[in-house]
Amino acid sequence: MIQALIFDFDGLILDTETPEYQSWQEVYSTYGCHLPLERWVTAVGSTLAQHFDPYAFLAEQSGQPIDADAIRPARRQRHLALIDAQPVLPGVLDYIAAARDLGIKVGLASSSSYDWVGGHLARLGLLDLFETIKTADDVENVKPDPALYLAAATALGVDPRQALALEDSAHGLNAAKAAGMYCVVVPNAVTTHLAFAGADRRLNSLADVPLPELIKGLR
């Protein structure tokens, strides 16, 4: 029986990942280069610096020295502007409401910082909808390490085996399964081409299947 529903944040509640990729693609285009999606996606759902260095790759592709300090402020400003235009993804609010109706606890586990996650949730009016929020600030290792999901389950007082994680990335899926949880993946535009082997189910959108129906189909 599912006792907890634990959301990822980036790309699952709010599509921050497509805007980030777009902002980097715009930087690359100014150097006459292209950032392949298959290179970028290796970092989605974890800490960017651990898996891919976009500055080093740009230097390699362009054959020019890259001044990261000169690029960083404008690139980040562009990223944030693109995010501000994004709505809460379809089905998120319905799932939170349905979980409450079913007596299921609701949490969040993100590899991003609390300032990032909490700031966006507050802006969207969602901050108070989660009984616990675990971020990179709370653990030594982020996804694909299971620490974030285990911390969220502990805070909610549930057995990880009775929790359902909602994810959009391979790192997130691997973290949830390593924690012993069910995991349903809802890919975004950046991660949609991934296979997501091991997921309990894959949806195009949370709006496609009501939460009670989804839970009944889990084994």
N, C-alpha and C. Protein backbone atom coordinates (compact mmCIF):
# COMPACT_ATOMS: atom_id res chain seq x y z
N MET A 1 0.84 -1.20 0.00
CA MET A 1 0.00 0.00 0.00
C MET A 1 0.88 1.26 0.00
N ILE A 2 0.59 2.17 -0.89
CA ILE A 2 1.37 3.40 -0.98
C ILE A 2 0.98 4.35 0.15
N GLN A 3 1.97 4.76 0.94
CA GLN A 3 1.73 5.67 2.05
C GLN A 3 2.33 7.05 1.83
N ALA A 4 3.20 7.17 0.83
CA ALA A 4 3.83 8.47 0.56
C ALA A 4 4.04 8.66 -0.94
N LEU A 5 3.85 9.89 -1.37
CA LEU A 5 4.09 10.30 -2.74
C LEU A 5 5.21 11.34 -2.69
N ILE A 6 6.32 11.06 -3.36
CA ILE A 6 7.48 11.95 -3.29
C ILE A 6 7.82 12.46 -4.68
N PHE A 7 7.73 13.75 -4.84
CA PHE A 7 7.98 14.41 -6.12
C PHE A 7 9.45 14.79 -6.26
N ASP A 8 9.96 14.67 -7.47
CA ASP A 8 11.15 15.40 -7.88
C ASP A 8 10.69 16.84 -8.12
N PHE A 9 11.62 17.76 -8.33
CA PHE A 9 11.22 19.13 -8.63
C PHE A 9 11.51 19.53 -10.07
N ASP A 10 12.80 19.66 -10.40
CA ASP A 10 13.17 20.15 -11.73
C ASP A 10 12.72 19.19 -12.82
N GLY A 11 11.86 19.68 -13.71
CA GLY A 11 11.40 18.87 -14.82
C GLY A 11 10.17 18.04 -14.51
N LEU A 12 9.78 17.98 -13.24
CA LEU A 12 8.62 17.18 -12.84
C LEU A 12 7.48 18.07 -12.35
N ILE A 13 7.80 19.03 -11.50
CA ILE A 13 6.82 20.01 -11.04
C ILE A 13 6.86 21.24 -11.94
N LEU A 14 8.06 21.67 -12.24
CA LEU A 14 8.29 22.84 -13.10
C LEU A 14 9.38 22.48 -14.10
N ASP A 15 9.14 22.77 -15.36
CA ASP A 15 10.15 22.45 -16.37
C ASP A 15 11.24 23.51 -16.35
N THR A 16 12.21 23.28 -15.49
CA THR A 16 13.40 24.15 -15.43
C THR A 16 14.50 23.62 -16.34
N GLU A 17 14.35 22.39 -16.79
CA GLU A 17 15.44 21.73 -17.51
C GLU A 17 15.49 22.09 -18.99
N THR A 18 14.32 22.18 -19.63
CA THR A 18 14.31 22.63 -21.02
C THR A 18 14.82 24.07 -21.13
N PRO A 19 14.38 24.99 -20.26
CA PRO A 19 14.94 26.35 -20.30
C PRO A 19 16.45 26.39 -20.06
N GLU A 20 16.96 25.53 -19.18
CA GLU A 20 18.41 25.54 -18.94
C GLU A 20 19.15 25.08 -20.19
N TYR A 21 18.66 24.01 -20.79
CA TYR A 21 19.29 23.52 -22.02
C TYR A 21 19.21 24.59 -23.12
N GLN A 22 18.06 25.25 -23.23
CA GLN A 22 17.90 26.30 -24.24
C GLN A 22 18.87 27.45 -24.00
N SER A 23 19.03 27.84 -22.72
CA SER A 23 19.94 28.96 -22.42
C SER A 23 21.38 28.61 -22.77
N TRP A 24 21.76 27.36 -22.53
CA TRP A 24 23.11 26.93 -22.91
C TRP A 24 23.25 26.82 -24.42
N GLN A 25 22.21 26.35 -25.08
CA GLN A 25 22.25 26.24 -26.54
C GLN A 25 22.46 27.61 -27.17
N GLU A 26 21.83 28.63 -26.58
CA GLU A 26 22.00 30.00 -27.08
C GLU A 26 23.44 30.48 -26.90
N VAL A 27 24.06 30.11 -25.77
CA VAL A 27 25.46 30.45 -25.56
C VAL A 27 26.34 29.78 -26.62
N TYR A 28 26.12 28.51 -26.83
CA TYR A 28 26.91 27.76 -27.81
C TYR A 28 26.76 28.36 -29.20
N SER A 29 25.54 28.80 -29.53
CA SER A 29 25.31 29.32 -30.88
C SER A 29 26.11 30.59 -31.14
N THR A 30 26.40 31.36 -30.09
CA THR A 30 27.19 32.58 -30.28
C THR A 30 28.64 32.26 -30.65
N TYR A 31 29.05 31.02 -30.38
CA TYR A 31 30.39 30.57 -30.76
C TYR A 31 30.35 29.71 -32.03
N GLY A 32 29.17 29.65 -32.65
CA GLY A 32 29.03 28.84 -33.85
C GLY A 32 29.04 27.35 -33.57
N CYS A 33 28.63 26.99 -32.36
CA CYS A 33 28.66 25.58 -31.94
C CYS A 33 27.27 25.09 -31.58
N HIS A 34 27.16 23.77 -31.41
CA HIS A 34 25.90 23.14 -31.02
C HIS A 34 26.15 22.26 -29.80
N LEU A 35 25.24 22.30 -28.84
CA LEU A 35 25.32 21.46 -27.65
C LEU A 35 24.41 20.25 -27.87
N PRO A 36 24.95 19.08 -28.14
CA PRO A 36 24.12 17.90 -28.39
C PRO A 36 23.30 17.52 -27.15
N LEU A 37 22.04 17.22 -27.37
CA LEU A 37 21.16 16.86 -26.27
C LEU A 37 21.68 15.63 -25.54
N GLU A 38 22.26 14.68 -26.28
CA GLU A 38 22.73 13.46 -25.64
C GLU A 38 23.90 13.71 -24.69
N ARG A 39 24.65 14.79 -24.90
CA ARG A 39 25.70 15.15 -23.95
C ARG A 39 25.10 15.85 -22.73
N TRP A 40 24.17 16.73 -22.96
CA TRP A 40 23.56 17.49 -21.88
C TRP A 40 22.78 16.60 -20.92
N VAL A 41 22.07 15.63 -21.47
CA VAL A 41 21.14 14.83 -20.66
C VAL A 41 21.87 13.97 -19.63
N THR A 42 23.17 13.76 -19.80
CA THR A 42 23.92 12.96 -18.83
C THR A 42 23.95 13.61 -17.45
N ALA A 43 23.69 14.91 -17.38
CA ALA A 43 23.73 15.62 -16.10
C ALA A 43 22.36 15.87 -15.51
N VAL A 44 21.30 15.65 -16.28
CA VAL A 44 19.95 15.98 -15.82
C VAL A 44 19.57 15.12 -14.61
N GLY A 45 19.08 15.78 -13.57
CA GLY A 45 18.64 15.09 -12.38
C GLY A 45 19.70 14.93 -11.32
N SER A 46 20.89 15.46 -11.57
CA SER A 46 21.97 15.38 -10.59
C SER A 46 22.66 16.73 -10.54
N THR A 47 23.91 16.75 -10.09
CA THR A 47 24.68 17.98 -10.05
C THR A 47 25.45 18.12 -11.35
N LEU A 48 25.24 19.22 -12.05
CA LEU A 48 25.83 19.41 -13.37
C LEU A 48 27.33 19.18 -13.38
N ALA A 49 28.03 19.76 -12.42
CA ALA A 49 29.50 19.70 -12.41
C ALA A 49 30.03 18.28 -12.26
N GLN A 50 29.22 17.37 -11.69
CA GLN A 50 29.68 16.00 -11.49
C GLN A 50 29.67 15.19 -12.77
N HIS A 51 28.88 15.60 -13.75
CA HIS A 51 28.67 14.76 -14.92
C HIS A 51 29.01 15.42 -16.25
N PHE A 52 29.01 16.74 -16.31
CA PHE A 52 29.26 17.40 -17.58
C PHE A 52 29.67 18.85 -17.32
N ASP A 53 30.74 19.29 -17.97
CA ASP A 53 31.21 20.67 -17.84
C ASP A 53 30.93 21.40 -19.15
N PRO A 54 29.85 22.20 -19.20
CA PRO A 54 29.49 22.86 -20.46
C PRO A 54 30.53 23.87 -20.93
N TYR A 55 31.29 24.45 -20.01
CA TYR A 55 32.33 25.40 -20.40
C TYR A 55 33.49 24.67 -21.08
N ALA A 56 33.92 23.57 -20.49
CA ALA A 56 35.02 22.80 -21.07
C ALA A 56 34.62 22.23 -22.43
N PHE A 57 33.38 21.77 -22.53
CA PHE A 57 32.92 21.21 -23.81
C PHE A 57 32.84 22.30 -24.87
N LEU A 58 32.41 23.50 -24.47
CA LEU A 58 32.35 24.62 -25.41
C LEU A 58 33.75 24.99 -25.90
N ALA A 59 34.72 25.00 -24.99
CA ALA A 59 36.10 25.29 -25.38
C ALA A 59 36.62 24.25 -26.36
N GLU A 60 36.27 23.00 -26.09
CA GLU A 60 36.68 21.91 -26.98
C GLU A 60 36.05 22.05 -28.36
N GLN A 61 34.76 22.36 -28.39
CA GLN A 61 34.05 22.45 -29.66
C GLN A 61 34.44 23.68 -30.47
N SER A 62 34.67 24.78 -29.78
CA SER A 62 34.95 26.04 -30.48
C SER A 62 36.42 26.24 -30.79
N GLY A 63 37.28 25.56 -30.03
CA GLY A 63 38.71 25.75 -30.19
C GLY A 63 39.17 27.09 -29.66
N GLN A 64 38.36 27.68 -28.76
CA GLN A 64 38.69 28.99 -28.20
C GLN A 64 38.74 28.89 -26.67
N PRO A 65 39.52 29.75 -26.02
CA PRO A 65 39.45 29.82 -24.56
C PRO A 65 38.10 30.41 -24.15
N ILE A 66 37.52 29.87 -23.09
CA ILE A 66 36.20 30.31 -22.65
C ILE A 66 36.30 30.98 -21.29
N ASP A 67 35.76 32.18 -21.19
CA ASP A 67 35.73 32.92 -19.92
C ASP A 67 34.39 32.63 -19.24
N ALA A 68 34.40 31.63 -18.36
CA ALA A 68 33.16 31.22 -17.70
C ALA A 68 32.56 32.36 -16.88
N ASP A 69 33.40 33.15 -16.24
CA ASP A 69 32.90 34.25 -15.40
C ASP A 69 32.18 35.30 -16.23
N ALA A 70 32.57 35.45 -17.48
CA ALA A 70 31.92 36.43 -18.36
C ALA A 70 30.58 35.90 -18.87
N ILE A 71 30.50 34.59 -19.07
CA ILE A 71 29.28 33.98 -19.61
C ILE A 71 28.22 33.78 -18.54
N ARG A 72 28.65 33.40 -17.35
CA ARG A 72 27.74 32.90 -16.32
C ARG A 72 26.58 33.84 -15.97
N PRO A 73 26.79 35.13 -15.69
CA PRO A 73 25.66 35.98 -15.26
C PRO A 73 24.55 36.10 -16.30
N ALA A 74 24.90 36.36 -17.54
CA ALA A 74 23.89 36.54 -18.58
C ALA A 74 23.18 35.22 -18.89
N ARG A 75 23.94 34.12 -18.88
CA ARG A 75 23.34 32.82 -19.15
C ARG A 75 22.33 32.47 -18.06
N ARG A 76 22.69 32.71 -16.81
CA ARG A 76 21.78 32.41 -15.70
C ARG A 76 20.55 33.32 -15.76
N GLN A 77 20.74 34.59 -16.06
CA GLN A 77 19.60 35.50 -16.17
C GLN A 77 18.63 35.04 -17.25
N ARG A 78 19.18 34.59 -18.37
CA ARG A 78 18.34 34.08 -19.45
C ARG A 78 17.59 32.83 -19.02
N HIS A 79 18.28 31.94 -18.32
CA HIS A 79 17.67 30.72 -17.80
C HIS A 79 16.49 31.05 -16.89
N LEU A 80 16.69 31.97 -15.96
CA LEU A 80 15.64 32.34 -15.03
C LEU A 80 14.46 32.99 -15.73
N ALA A 81 14.74 33.81 -16.74
CA ALA A 81 13.66 34.45 -17.49
C ALA A 81 12.81 33.41 -18.20
N LEU A 82 13.45 32.41 -18.76
CA LEU A 82 12.71 31.35 -19.44
C LEU A 82 11.88 30.53 -18.46
N ILE A 83 12.43 30.27 -17.27
CA ILE A 83 11.70 29.52 -16.25
C ILE A 83 10.47 30.28 -15.78
N ASP A 84 10.60 31.59 -15.60
CA ASP A 84 9.49 32.39 -15.11
C ASP A 84 8.28 32.33 -16.03
N ALA A 85 8.50 31.96 -17.28
CA ALA A 85 7.40 31.85 -18.24
C ALA A 85 6.75 30.46 -18.21
N GLN A 86 7.31 29.55 -17.40
CA GLN A 86 6.80 28.17 -17.37
C GLN A 86 5.70 28.01 -16.32
N PRO A 87 4.62 27.31 -16.66
CA PRO A 87 3.58 27.01 -15.67
C PRO A 87 3.92 25.75 -14.88
N VAL A 88 3.22 25.52 -13.80
CA VAL A 88 3.31 24.23 -13.11
C VAL A 88 2.88 23.16 -14.11
N LEU A 89 3.61 22.07 -14.16
CA LEU A 89 3.32 21.05 -15.17
C LEU A 89 1.97 20.38 -14.93
N PRO A 90 1.32 19.94 -16.00
CA PRO A 90 -0.03 19.36 -15.90
C PRO A 90 -0.08 18.16 -14.95
N GLY A 91 -1.13 18.12 -14.15
CA GLY A 91 -1.38 16.99 -13.27
C GLY A 91 -0.75 17.09 -11.89
N VAL A 92 0.20 17.99 -11.70
CA VAL A 92 0.89 18.08 -10.42
C VAL A 92 -0.07 18.41 -9.29
N LEU A 93 -0.85 19.46 -9.46
CA LEU A 93 -1.78 19.87 -8.40
C LEU A 93 -2.85 18.81 -8.17
N ASP A 94 -3.30 18.16 -9.23
CA ASP A 94 -4.30 17.10 -9.09
C ASP A 94 -3.74 15.93 -8.29
N TYR A 95 -2.48 15.60 -8.52
CA TYR A 95 -1.87 14.49 -7.78
C TYR A 95 -1.72 14.83 -6.30
N ILE A 96 -1.34 16.06 -6.00
CA ILE A 96 -1.21 16.46 -4.60
C ILE A 96 -2.57 16.41 -3.91
N ALA A 97 -3.59 16.92 -4.58
CA ALA A 97 -4.94 16.90 -4.01
C ALA A 97 -5.44 15.47 -3.83
N ALA A 98 -5.20 14.62 -4.81
CA ALA A 98 -5.64 13.23 -4.73
C ALA A 98 -4.92 12.50 -3.61
N ALA A 99 -3.63 12.77 -3.43
CA ALA A 99 -2.88 12.14 -2.34
C ALA A 99 -3.48 12.51 -0.99
N ARG A 100 -3.82 13.75 -0.84
CA ARG A 100 -4.44 14.19 0.42
C ARG A 100 -5.77 13.47 0.64
N ASP A 101 -6.57 13.34 -0.41
CA ASP A 101 -7.86 12.66 -0.29
C ASP A 101 -7.69 11.20 0.10
N LEU A 102 -6.59 10.60 -0.34
CA LEU A 102 -6.32 9.19 -0.07
C LEU A 102 -5.56 8.97 1.24
N GLY A 103 -5.22 10.06 1.93
CA GLY A 103 -4.46 9.95 3.16
C GLY A 103 -3.00 9.62 2.94
N ILE A 104 -2.49 9.95 1.76
CA ILE A 104 -1.10 9.68 1.41
C ILE A 104 -0.26 10.93 1.70
N LYS A 105 0.86 10.74 2.36
CA LYS A 105 1.74 11.86 2.67
C LYS A 105 2.46 12.33 1.41
N VAL A 106 2.77 13.62 1.36
CA VAL A 106 3.37 14.22 0.16
C VAL A 106 4.70 14.88 0.51
N GLY A 107 5.74 14.48 -0.19
CA GLY A 107 7.06 15.06 0.02
C GLY A 107 7.73 15.41 -1.29
N LEU A 108 8.94 15.95 -1.17
CA LEU A 108 9.71 16.35 -2.34
C LEU A 108 11.18 16.03 -2.08
N ALA A 109 11.86 15.53 -3.10
CA ALA A 109 13.29 15.22 -3.00
C ALA A 109 13.98 15.72 -4.26
N SER A 110 14.88 16.69 -4.09
CA SER A 110 15.52 17.32 -5.24
C SER A 110 17.03 17.43 -5.07
N SER A 111 17.75 17.23 -6.16
CA SER A 111 19.21 17.39 -6.15
C SER A 111 19.63 18.86 -6.17
N SER A 112 18.67 19.75 -6.36
CA SER A 112 18.97 21.19 -6.35
C SER A 112 19.03 21.71 -4.91
N SER A 113 19.44 22.96 -4.75
CA SER A 113 19.52 23.56 -3.42
C SER A 113 18.13 23.96 -2.93
N TYR A 114 18.02 24.16 -1.60
CA TYR A 114 16.73 24.60 -1.07
C TYR A 114 16.38 26.00 -1.56
N ASP A 115 17.36 26.86 -1.69
CA ASP A 115 17.08 28.21 -2.19
C ASP A 115 16.41 28.15 -3.56
N TRP A 116 16.90 27.27 -4.41
CA TRP A 116 16.35 27.13 -5.76
C TRP A 116 14.93 26.54 -5.71
N VAL A 117 14.79 25.42 -5.03
CA VAL A 117 13.50 24.73 -4.98
C VAL A 117 12.47 25.55 -4.21
N GLY A 118 12.84 25.96 -3.00
CA GLY A 118 11.92 26.71 -2.16
C GLY A 118 11.51 28.03 -2.77
N GLY A 119 12.46 28.69 -3.44
CA GLY A 119 12.15 29.97 -4.07
C GLY A 119 11.10 29.83 -5.15
N HIS A 120 11.25 28.82 -6.01
CA HIS A 120 10.27 28.61 -7.07
C HIS A 120 8.93 28.13 -6.51
N LEU A 121 8.97 27.24 -5.52
CA LEU A 121 7.71 26.77 -4.93
C LEU A 121 6.95 27.93 -4.29
N ALA A 122 7.66 28.80 -3.60
CA ALA A 122 7.02 29.96 -2.97
C ALA A 122 6.42 30.88 -4.03
N ARG A 123 7.15 31.11 -5.09
CA ARG A 123 6.67 31.97 -6.18
C ARG A 123 5.40 31.41 -6.80
N LEU A 124 5.32 30.08 -6.88
CA LEU A 124 4.17 29.42 -7.50
C LEU A 124 3.04 29.13 -6.52
N GLY A 125 3.26 29.45 -5.23
CA GLY A 125 2.24 29.19 -4.22
C GLY A 125 2.13 27.74 -3.82
N LEU A 126 3.20 26.96 -3.98
CA LEU A 126 3.17 25.53 -3.71
C LEU A 126 3.95 25.11 -2.46
N LEU A 127 4.66 26.03 -1.86
CA LEU A 127 5.60 25.67 -0.80
C LEU A 127 4.95 24.92 0.36
N ASP A 128 3.75 25.30 0.73
CA ASP A 128 3.09 24.69 1.90
C ASP A 128 2.38 23.39 1.59
N LEU A 129 2.46 22.92 0.35
CA LEU A 129 1.75 21.70 -0.03
C LEU A 129 2.54 20.43 0.27
N PHE A 130 3.81 20.59 0.67
CA PHE A 130 4.67 19.43 0.90
C PHE A 130 4.98 19.28 2.38
N GLU A 131 4.83 18.07 2.88
CA GLU A 131 5.07 17.81 4.30
C GLU A 131 6.56 17.76 4.62
N THR A 132 7.37 17.46 3.65
CA THR A 132 8.82 17.55 3.80
C THR A 132 9.44 17.89 2.46
N ILE A 133 10.52 18.64 2.49
CA ILE A 133 11.27 18.99 1.29
C ILE A 133 12.75 18.70 1.58
N LYS A 134 13.30 17.75 0.87
CA LYS A 134 14.71 17.40 1.03
C LYS A 134 15.47 17.81 -0.23
N THR A 135 16.58 18.50 -0.03
CA THR A 135 17.36 19.02 -1.15
C THR A 135 18.83 18.68 -0.99
N ALA A 136 19.64 19.18 -1.92
CA ALA A 136 21.08 18.95 -1.86
C ALA A 136 21.69 19.44 -0.56
N ASP A 137 21.03 20.39 0.10
CA ASP A 137 21.54 20.93 1.36
C ASP A 137 21.46 19.91 2.50
N ASP A 138 20.65 18.85 2.31
CA ASP A 138 20.38 17.91 3.40
C ASP A 138 21.20 16.62 3.34
N VAL A 139 21.90 16.39 2.23
CA VAL A 139 22.61 15.12 2.07
C VAL A 139 24.03 15.36 1.55
N GLU A 140 24.87 14.37 1.74
CA GLU A 140 26.24 14.46 1.22
C GLU A 140 26.28 14.17 -0.28
N ASN A 141 25.44 13.22 -0.71
CA ASN A 141 25.43 12.82 -2.12
C ASN A 141 24.01 12.93 -2.68
N VAL A 142 23.89 13.59 -3.83
CA VAL A 142 22.58 13.74 -4.47
C VAL A 142 22.33 12.58 -5.42
N LYS A 143 21.21 12.61 -6.12
CA LYS A 143 20.86 11.55 -7.07
C LYS A 143 21.98 11.39 -8.11
N PRO A 144 22.31 10.16 -8.47
CA PRO A 144 21.56 8.90 -8.32
C PRO A 144 21.72 8.18 -6.98
N ASP A 145 22.45 8.76 -6.04
CA ASP A 145 22.51 8.19 -4.70
C ASP A 145 21.10 8.22 -4.09
N PRO A 146 20.71 7.20 -3.34
CA PRO A 146 19.35 7.17 -2.77
C PRO A 146 19.15 8.05 -1.55
N ALA A 147 20.19 8.75 -1.09
CA ALA A 147 20.11 9.48 0.18
C ALA A 147 18.94 10.45 0.26
N LEU A 148 18.67 11.17 -0.81
CA LEU A 148 17.57 12.15 -0.78
C LEU A 148 16.22 11.46 -0.56
N TYR A 149 15.99 10.38 -1.26
CA TYR A 149 14.72 9.67 -1.11
C TYR A 149 14.61 9.00 0.25
N LEU A 150 15.69 8.47 0.73
CA LEU A 150 15.67 7.86 2.06
C LEU A 150 15.42 8.92 3.13
N ALA A 151 16.01 10.09 2.97
CA ALA A 151 15.79 11.18 3.92
C ALA A 151 14.34 11.64 3.90
N ALA A 152 13.75 11.72 2.72
CA ALA A 152 12.35 12.13 2.61
C ALA A 152 11.43 11.11 3.25
N ALA A 153 11.70 9.83 3.01
CA ALA A 153 10.88 8.78 3.62
C ALA A 153 10.97 8.81 5.14
N THR A 154 12.17 9.00 5.65
CA THR A 154 12.36 9.08 7.10
C THR A 154 11.60 10.26 7.68
N ALA A 155 11.68 11.41 7.02
CA ALA A 155 10.98 12.60 7.50
C ALA A 155 9.47 12.41 7.49
N LEU A 156 8.98 11.64 6.53
CA LEU A 156 7.54 11.39 6.43
C LEU A 156 7.10 10.24 7.33
N GLY A 157 8.06 9.50 7.87
CA GLY A 157 7.74 8.39 8.76
C GLY A 157 7.17 7.19 8.04
N VAL A 158 7.66 6.94 6.81
CA VAL A 158 7.15 5.80 6.04
C VAL A 158 8.29 4.88 5.61
N ASP A 159 7.96 3.63 5.40
CA ASP A 159 8.90 2.67 4.84
C ASP A 159 9.11 3.02 3.37
N PRO A 160 10.36 3.15 2.91
CA PRO A 160 10.60 3.47 1.50
C PRO A 160 9.89 2.53 0.54
N ARG A 161 9.69 1.29 0.95
CA ARG A 161 9.02 0.32 0.08
C ARG A 161 7.54 0.63 -0.10
N GLN A 162 7.03 1.54 0.70
CA GLN A 162 5.63 1.95 0.58
C GLN A 162 5.51 3.38 0.08
N ALA A 163 6.54 3.82 -0.63
CA ALA A 163 6.55 5.17 -1.19
C ALA A 163 6.63 5.10 -2.72
N LEU A 164 5.99 6.07 -3.35
CA LEU A 164 6.02 6.20 -4.80
C LEU A 164 6.73 7.49 -5.16
N ALA A 165 7.82 7.37 -5.91
CA ALA A 165 8.56 8.53 -6.39
C ALA A 165 8.11 8.87 -7.80
N LEU A 166 8.01 10.16 -8.08
CA LEU A 166 7.69 10.66 -9.41
C LEU A 166 8.92 11.36 -9.96
N GLU A 167 9.41 10.91 -11.10
CA GLU A 167 10.70 11.38 -11.62
C GLU A 167 10.65 11.67 -13.11
N ASP A 168 11.63 12.44 -13.57
CA ASP A 168 11.74 12.73 -15.01
C ASP A 168 13.13 12.41 -15.55
N SER A 169 14.04 11.95 -14.70
CA SER A 169 15.42 11.74 -15.14
C SER A 169 15.91 10.34 -14.78
N ALA A 170 16.94 9.89 -15.50
CA ALA A 170 17.53 8.58 -15.21
C ALA A 170 18.20 8.57 -13.84
N HIS A 171 18.87 9.67 -13.48
CA HIS A 171 19.50 9.74 -12.16
C HIS A 171 18.44 9.65 -11.06
N GLY A 172 17.32 10.31 -11.26
CA GLY A 172 16.24 10.26 -10.28
C GLY A 172 15.63 8.88 -10.16
N LEU A 173 15.39 8.24 -11.30
CA LEU A 173 14.86 6.88 -11.30
C LEU A 173 15.80 5.94 -10.55
N ASN A 174 17.08 6.02 -10.84
CA ASN A 174 18.04 5.14 -10.18
C ASN A 174 18.10 5.39 -8.68
N ALA A 175 17.98 6.65 -8.28
CA ALA A 175 17.98 6.98 -6.85
C ALA A 175 16.76 6.39 -6.15
N ALA A 176 15.60 6.54 -6.77
CA ALA A 176 14.36 6.04 -6.17
C ALA A 176 14.38 4.52 -6.04
N LYS A 177 14.83 3.84 -7.09
CA LYS A 177 14.85 2.38 -7.05
C LYS A 177 15.90 1.89 -6.05
N ALA A 178 17.03 2.59 -5.96
CA ALA A 178 18.06 2.22 -4.98
C ALA A 178 17.55 2.39 -3.55
N ALA A 179 16.60 3.30 -3.37
CA ALA A 179 15.99 3.51 -2.05
C ALA A 179 14.91 2.48 -1.76
N GLY A 180 14.56 1.67 -2.76
CA GLY A 180 13.55 0.64 -2.57
C GLY A 180 12.14 1.08 -2.87
N MET A 181 12.00 2.22 -3.53
CA MET A 181 10.68 2.79 -3.81
C MET A 181 10.13 2.36 -5.17
N TYR A 182 8.82 2.50 -5.31
CA TYR A 182 8.22 2.48 -6.63
C TYR A 182 8.63 3.78 -7.32
N CYS A 183 8.74 3.75 -8.64
CA CYS A 183 9.06 4.98 -9.36
C CYS A 183 8.34 5.02 -10.69
N VAL A 184 7.59 6.07 -10.89
CA VAL A 184 6.92 6.35 -12.16
C VAL A 184 7.64 7.52 -12.80
N VAL A 185 8.02 7.37 -14.05
CA VAL A 185 8.75 8.44 -14.74
C VAL A 185 7.82 9.20 -15.67
N VAL A 186 8.02 10.51 -15.69
CA VAL A 186 7.28 11.41 -16.56
C VAL A 186 8.32 12.28 -17.26
N PRO A 187 8.88 11.82 -18.36
CA PRO A 187 9.98 12.55 -19.00
C PRO A 187 9.57 13.94 -19.47
N ASN A 188 10.55 14.84 -19.50
CA ASN A 188 10.32 16.16 -20.09
C ASN A 188 10.92 16.17 -21.49
N ALA A 189 10.90 17.32 -22.13
CA ALA A 189 11.39 17.40 -23.52
C ALA A 189 12.86 17.04 -23.64
N VAL A 190 13.62 17.24 -22.57
CA VAL A 190 15.05 16.95 -22.60
C VAL A 190 15.33 15.47 -22.40
N THR A 191 14.50 14.79 -21.59
CA THR A 191 14.79 13.39 -21.23
C THR A 191 13.89 12.37 -21.93
N THR A 192 13.02 12.82 -22.80
CA THR A 192 12.00 11.92 -23.36
C THR A 192 12.58 10.78 -24.18
N HIS A 193 13.79 10.93 -24.72
CA HIS A 193 14.36 9.87 -25.56
C HIS A 193 15.02 8.76 -24.75
N LEU A 194 15.13 8.92 -23.43
CA LEU A 194 15.77 7.91 -22.59
C LEU A 194 14.85 6.70 -22.40
N ALA A 195 15.45 5.53 -22.19
CA ALA A 195 14.67 4.29 -22.09
C ALA A 195 14.02 4.12 -20.72
N PHE A 196 14.65 4.59 -19.65
CA PHE A 196 14.14 4.47 -18.28
C PHE A 196 13.86 3.02 -17.90
N ALA A 197 14.82 2.15 -18.16
CA ALA A 197 14.69 0.75 -17.77
C ALA A 197 14.57 0.64 -16.26
N GLY A 198 13.63 -0.17 -15.81
CA GLY A 198 13.42 -0.37 -14.38
C GLY A 198 12.31 0.45 -13.78
N ALA A 199 11.77 1.40 -14.53
CA ALA A 199 10.65 2.21 -14.02
C ALA A 199 9.41 1.33 -13.88
N ASP A 200 8.60 1.61 -12.88
CA ASP A 200 7.37 0.86 -12.69
C ASP A 200 6.31 1.25 -13.72
N ARG A 201 6.42 2.47 -14.21
CA ARG A 201 5.53 2.91 -15.28
C ARG A 201 6.08 4.20 -15.86
N ARG A 202 5.75 4.45 -17.12
CA ARG A 202 6.15 5.69 -17.78
C ARG A 202 4.90 6.38 -18.30
N LEU A 203 4.78 7.67 -17.99
CA LEU A 203 3.66 8.48 -18.45
C LEU A 203 4.17 9.64 -19.29
N ASN A 204 3.37 10.07 -20.23
CA ASN A 204 3.71 11.28 -20.98
C ASN A 204 3.44 12.52 -20.14
N SER A 205 2.46 12.42 -19.24
CA SER A 205 2.07 13.53 -18.37
C SER A 205 1.33 12.97 -17.17
N LEU A 206 1.45 13.63 -16.02
CA LEU A 206 0.67 13.22 -14.86
C LEU A 206 -0.82 13.40 -15.11
N ALA A 207 -1.17 14.25 -16.05
CA ALA A 207 -2.58 14.47 -16.38
C ALA A 207 -3.20 13.29 -17.12
N ASP A 208 -2.37 12.36 -17.58
CA ASP A 208 -2.89 11.25 -18.38
C ASP A 208 -3.59 10.18 -17.55
N VAL A 209 -3.12 9.98 -16.30
CA VAL A 209 -3.65 8.90 -15.46
C VAL A 209 -3.88 9.43 -14.05
N PRO A 210 -5.11 9.35 -13.53
CA PRO A 210 -5.36 9.81 -12.15
C PRO A 210 -4.54 9.00 -11.15
N LEU A 211 -4.17 9.64 -10.06
CA LEU A 211 -3.34 8.98 -9.06
C LEU A 211 -3.94 7.67 -8.54
N PRO A 212 -5.23 7.62 -8.18
CA PRO A 212 -5.77 6.35 -7.68
C PRO A 212 -5.61 5.21 -8.69
N GLU A 213 -5.83 5.50 -9.96
CA GLU A 213 -5.67 4.48 -11.00
C GLU A 213 -4.21 4.06 -11.13
N LEU A 214 -3.31 5.02 -11.05
CA LEU A 214 -1.89 4.72 -11.14
C LEU A 214 -1.45 3.79 -10.02
N ILE A 215 -1.88 4.10 -8.81
CA ILE A 215 -1.49 3.30 -7.64
C ILE A 215 -2.03 1.88 -7.75
N LYS A 216 -3.25 1.73 -8.24
CA LYS A 216 -3.84 0.39 -8.37
C LYS A 216 -3.04 -0.49 -9.33
N GLY A 217 -2.39 0.14 -10.30
CA GLY A 217 -1.64 -0.62 -11.28
C GLY A 217 -0.24 -1.00 -10.86
N LEU A 218 0.21 -0.52 -9.71
CA LEU A 218 1.56 -0.83 -9.24
C LEU A 218 1.62 -2.21 -8.60
N ARG A 219 2.70 -2.92 -8.87
CA ARG A 219 2.86 -4.26 -8.29
C ARG A 219 4.20 -4.34 -7.56
